[in-house]
Amino acid sequence: MSKETRKTYYSDPIRHARMLRTAKIVGVTPRQVRRVCDGENQNDLVIYTIIRIAEAEEMLDNLLIKEVKKLVP
C-alpha cells in the first residue's frame, strides 16, 4: 500500500492583492503578472511596478508603526 502525501498550498492574500493591483496599473491580466512573477515571461514594466508597490507598502507600514509608537508610550 502506497502512502499518499497531500501538499498543502498556502495562498498569500498580500501577494494576490499586489498582483491584482499591478495588473490593473499596467493594463495586463493577472495571469500575465503571475507568469512574470514565476519567471515564465519577461516584462520589465510589470517587475518595476511590483517592486514600487512593495516599497510603497513597506514605507506606509513604517510610517504607521512610527505613529503608533508616538501614541503609545
N, C-alpha and C. Protein backbone atom coordinates (compact mmCIF):
# COMPACT_ATOMS: atom_id res chain seq x y z
N MET A 1 0.84 -1.17 0.00
CA MET A 1 0.00 0.00 0.00
C MET A 1 0.89 1.24 0.00
N SER A 2 0.67 2.11 -0.94
CA SER A 2 1.49 3.32 -1.02
C SER A 2 0.87 4.44 -0.20
N LYS A 3 1.75 5.20 0.37
CA LYS A 3 1.29 6.31 1.19
C LYS A 3 1.23 7.57 0.33
N GLU A 4 0.09 8.22 0.33
CA GLU A 4 -0.05 9.45 -0.43
C GLU A 4 0.07 10.64 0.51
N THR A 5 0.90 11.55 0.12
CA THR A 5 1.02 12.78 0.91
C THR A 5 0.32 13.89 0.17
N ARG A 6 -0.37 14.70 0.90
CA ARG A 6 -1.06 15.82 0.29
C ARG A 6 -0.23 17.07 0.50
N LYS A 7 -0.03 17.77 -0.56
CA LYS A 7 0.71 19.02 -0.47
C LYS A 7 -0.28 20.13 -0.12
N THR A 8 0.04 20.87 0.92
CA THR A 8 -0.82 21.97 1.29
C THR A 8 -0.35 23.23 0.60
N TYR A 9 -1.27 23.93 0.01
CA TYR A 9 -0.96 25.16 -0.70
C TYR A 9 -1.37 26.34 0.17
N TYR A 10 -0.49 27.31 0.25
CA TYR A 10 -0.76 28.49 1.05
C TYR A 10 -1.00 29.65 0.11
N SER A 11 -2.12 30.30 0.29
CA SER A 11 -2.46 31.46 -0.53
C SER A 11 -2.14 32.72 0.25
N ASP A 12 -1.24 33.52 -0.28
CA ASP A 12 -0.84 34.76 0.39
C ASP A 12 -1.74 35.89 -0.11
N PRO A 13 -2.60 36.42 0.73
CA PRO A 13 -3.53 37.46 0.27
C PRO A 13 -2.82 38.76 -0.10
N ILE A 14 -1.71 39.06 0.54
CA ILE A 14 -0.98 40.29 0.20
C ILE A 14 -0.37 40.17 -1.19
N ARG A 15 0.21 39.02 -1.48
CA ARG A 15 0.79 38.79 -2.81
C ARG A 15 -0.30 38.85 -3.89
N HIS A 16 -1.43 38.25 -3.59
CA HIS A 16 -2.54 38.24 -4.54
C HIS A 16 -3.04 39.66 -4.81
N ALA A 17 -3.20 40.45 -3.76
CA ALA A 17 -3.67 41.83 -3.93
C ALA A 17 -2.65 42.66 -4.70
N ARG A 18 -1.37 42.42 -4.43
CA ARG A 18 -0.31 43.14 -5.14
C ARG A 18 -0.33 42.80 -6.63
N MET A 19 -0.58 41.54 -6.96
CA MET A 19 -0.65 41.14 -8.37
C MET A 19 -1.85 41.75 -9.07
N LEU A 20 -2.99 41.77 -8.39
CA LEU A 20 -4.18 42.38 -8.99
C LEU A 20 -3.98 43.87 -9.22
N ARG A 21 -3.38 44.54 -8.24
CA ARG A 21 -3.12 45.98 -8.37
C ARG A 21 -2.15 46.25 -9.52
N THR A 22 -1.12 45.41 -9.63
CA THR A 22 -0.14 45.57 -10.71
C THR A 22 -0.79 45.37 -12.07
N ALA A 23 -1.63 44.35 -12.18
CA ALA A 23 -2.31 44.08 -13.45
C ALA A 23 -3.19 45.25 -13.86
N LYS A 24 -3.87 45.84 -12.88
CA LYS A 24 -4.74 46.97 -13.17
C LYS A 24 -3.94 48.19 -13.62
N ILE A 25 -2.81 48.45 -12.96
CA ILE A 25 -1.98 49.61 -13.29
C ILE A 25 -1.34 49.45 -14.67
N VAL A 26 -0.77 48.28 -14.92
CA VAL A 26 -0.02 48.06 -16.16
C VAL A 26 -0.96 47.82 -17.34
N GLY A 27 -2.13 47.27 -17.07
CA GLY A 27 -3.07 47.01 -18.15
C GLY A 27 -2.93 45.63 -18.76
N VAL A 28 -2.50 44.68 -17.94
CA VAL A 28 -2.40 43.29 -18.38
C VAL A 28 -3.30 42.44 -17.48
N THR A 29 -3.40 41.16 -17.79
CA THR A 29 -4.22 40.27 -16.98
C THR A 29 -3.44 39.82 -15.75
N PRO A 30 -4.15 39.46 -14.68
CA PRO A 30 -3.45 38.94 -13.50
C PRO A 30 -2.64 37.68 -13.80
N ARG A 31 -3.10 36.89 -14.75
CA ARG A 31 -2.34 35.68 -15.12
C ARG A 31 -0.98 36.04 -15.71
N GLN A 32 -0.94 37.09 -16.51
CA GLN A 32 0.34 37.52 -17.07
C GLN A 32 1.28 37.99 -15.98
N VAL A 33 0.73 38.67 -14.97
CA VAL A 33 1.56 39.12 -13.86
C VAL A 33 2.09 37.92 -13.09
N ARG A 34 1.23 36.91 -12.87
CA ARG A 34 1.67 35.69 -12.18
C ARG A 34 2.78 35.00 -12.95
N ARG A 35 2.66 34.96 -14.28
CA ARG A 35 3.70 34.33 -15.09
C ARG A 35 5.02 35.07 -14.98
N VAL A 36 4.97 36.39 -14.93
CA VAL A 36 6.19 37.18 -14.78
C VAL A 36 6.81 36.90 -13.41
N CYS A 37 5.99 36.84 -12.37
CA CYS A 37 6.50 36.56 -11.02
C CYS A 37 7.10 35.16 -10.92
N ASP A 38 6.52 34.21 -11.63
CA ASP A 38 7.03 32.84 -11.61
C ASP A 38 8.23 32.64 -12.52
N GLY A 39 8.53 33.65 -13.34
CA GLY A 39 9.69 33.56 -14.22
C GLY A 39 9.40 32.96 -15.58
N GLU A 40 8.15 32.72 -15.91
CA GLU A 40 7.80 32.14 -17.20
C GLU A 40 7.86 33.17 -18.32
N ASN A 41 7.53 34.42 -18.03
CA ASN A 41 7.57 35.51 -19.00
C ASN A 41 8.48 36.61 -18.50
N GLN A 42 8.84 37.51 -19.41
CA GLN A 42 9.68 38.65 -19.05
C GLN A 42 8.95 39.93 -19.43
N ASN A 43 8.72 40.79 -18.44
CA ASN A 43 8.10 42.08 -18.68
C ASN A 43 8.65 43.05 -17.65
N ASP A 44 9.53 43.94 -18.09
CA ASP A 44 10.21 44.85 -17.17
C ASP A 44 9.25 45.81 -16.48
N LEU A 45 8.21 46.23 -17.18
CA LEU A 45 7.26 47.16 -16.59
C LEU A 45 6.50 46.51 -15.43
N VAL A 46 6.13 45.26 -15.58
CA VAL A 46 5.44 44.54 -14.52
C VAL A 46 6.35 44.37 -13.31
N ILE A 47 7.58 43.99 -13.54
CA ILE A 47 8.55 43.81 -12.45
C ILE A 47 8.77 45.13 -11.73
N TYR A 48 8.96 46.20 -12.47
CA TYR A 48 9.18 47.51 -11.88
C TYR A 48 7.98 47.94 -11.04
N THR A 49 6.78 47.70 -11.54
CA THR A 49 5.56 48.10 -10.83
C THR A 49 5.39 47.31 -9.55
N ILE A 50 5.65 46.02 -9.59
CA ILE A 50 5.54 45.19 -8.39
C ILE A 50 6.52 45.67 -7.32
N ILE A 51 7.74 45.97 -7.72
CA ILE A 51 8.75 46.44 -6.77
C ILE A 51 8.33 47.77 -6.17
N ARG A 52 7.85 48.69 -6.99
CA ARG A 52 7.43 50.00 -6.48
C ARG A 52 6.24 49.88 -5.51
N ILE A 53 5.29 49.01 -5.82
CA ILE A 53 4.15 48.80 -4.93
C ILE A 53 4.62 48.22 -3.60
N ALA A 54 5.51 47.26 -3.64
CA ALA A 54 6.03 46.65 -2.41
C ALA A 54 6.78 47.68 -1.57
N GLU A 55 7.57 48.53 -2.21
CA GLU A 55 8.30 49.57 -1.49
C GLU A 55 7.34 50.58 -0.86
N ALA A 56 6.31 50.95 -1.58
CA ALA A 56 5.33 51.91 -1.06
C ALA A 56 4.58 51.31 0.14
N GLU A 57 4.22 50.04 0.05
CA GLU A 57 3.54 49.39 1.17
C GLU A 57 4.44 49.32 2.40
N GLU A 58 5.71 49.03 2.18
CA GLU A 58 6.67 48.96 3.28
C GLU A 58 6.84 50.34 3.93
N MET A 59 6.91 51.38 3.11
CA MET A 59 7.06 52.73 3.64
C MET A 59 5.83 53.12 4.48
N LEU A 60 4.63 52.79 3.98
CA LEU A 60 3.41 53.09 4.73
C LEU A 60 3.36 52.32 6.05
N ASP A 61 3.81 51.07 6.03
CA ASP A 61 3.86 50.29 7.27
C ASP A 61 4.79 50.93 8.29
N ASN A 62 5.96 51.39 7.82
CA ASN A 62 6.91 52.03 8.71
C ASN A 62 6.35 53.31 9.29
N LEU A 63 5.66 54.11 8.47
CA LEU A 63 5.05 55.34 8.97
C LEU A 63 3.96 55.04 10.00
N LEU A 64 3.19 54.01 9.74
CA LEU A 64 2.14 53.62 10.67
C LEU A 64 2.72 53.19 12.01
N ILE A 65 3.79 52.43 11.97
CA ILE A 65 4.44 51.97 13.20
C ILE A 65 4.98 53.16 13.98
N LYS A 66 5.57 54.14 13.29
CA LYS A 66 6.08 55.33 13.97
C LYS A 66 4.96 56.10 14.66
N GLU A 67 3.83 56.25 13.98
CA GLU A 67 2.70 56.98 14.56
C GLU A 67 2.12 56.25 15.77
N VAL A 68 2.05 54.95 15.70
CA VAL A 68 1.54 54.17 16.83
C VAL A 68 2.49 54.29 18.02
N LYS A 69 3.79 54.29 17.76
CA LYS A 69 4.76 54.43 18.85
C LYS A 69 4.66 55.80 19.51
N LYS A 70 4.30 56.81 18.72
CA LYS A 70 4.10 58.14 19.31
C LYS A 70 2.90 58.17 20.25
N LEU A 71 1.85 57.43 19.88
CA LEU A 71 0.64 57.42 20.68
C LEU A 71 0.76 56.57 21.95
N VAL A 72 1.48 55.46 21.83
CA VAL A 72 1.63 54.56 22.96
C VAL A 72 3.01 54.75 23.57
N PRO A 73 3.06 55.22 24.81
CA PRO A 73 4.38 55.48 25.42
C PRO A 73 5.10 54.20 25.81
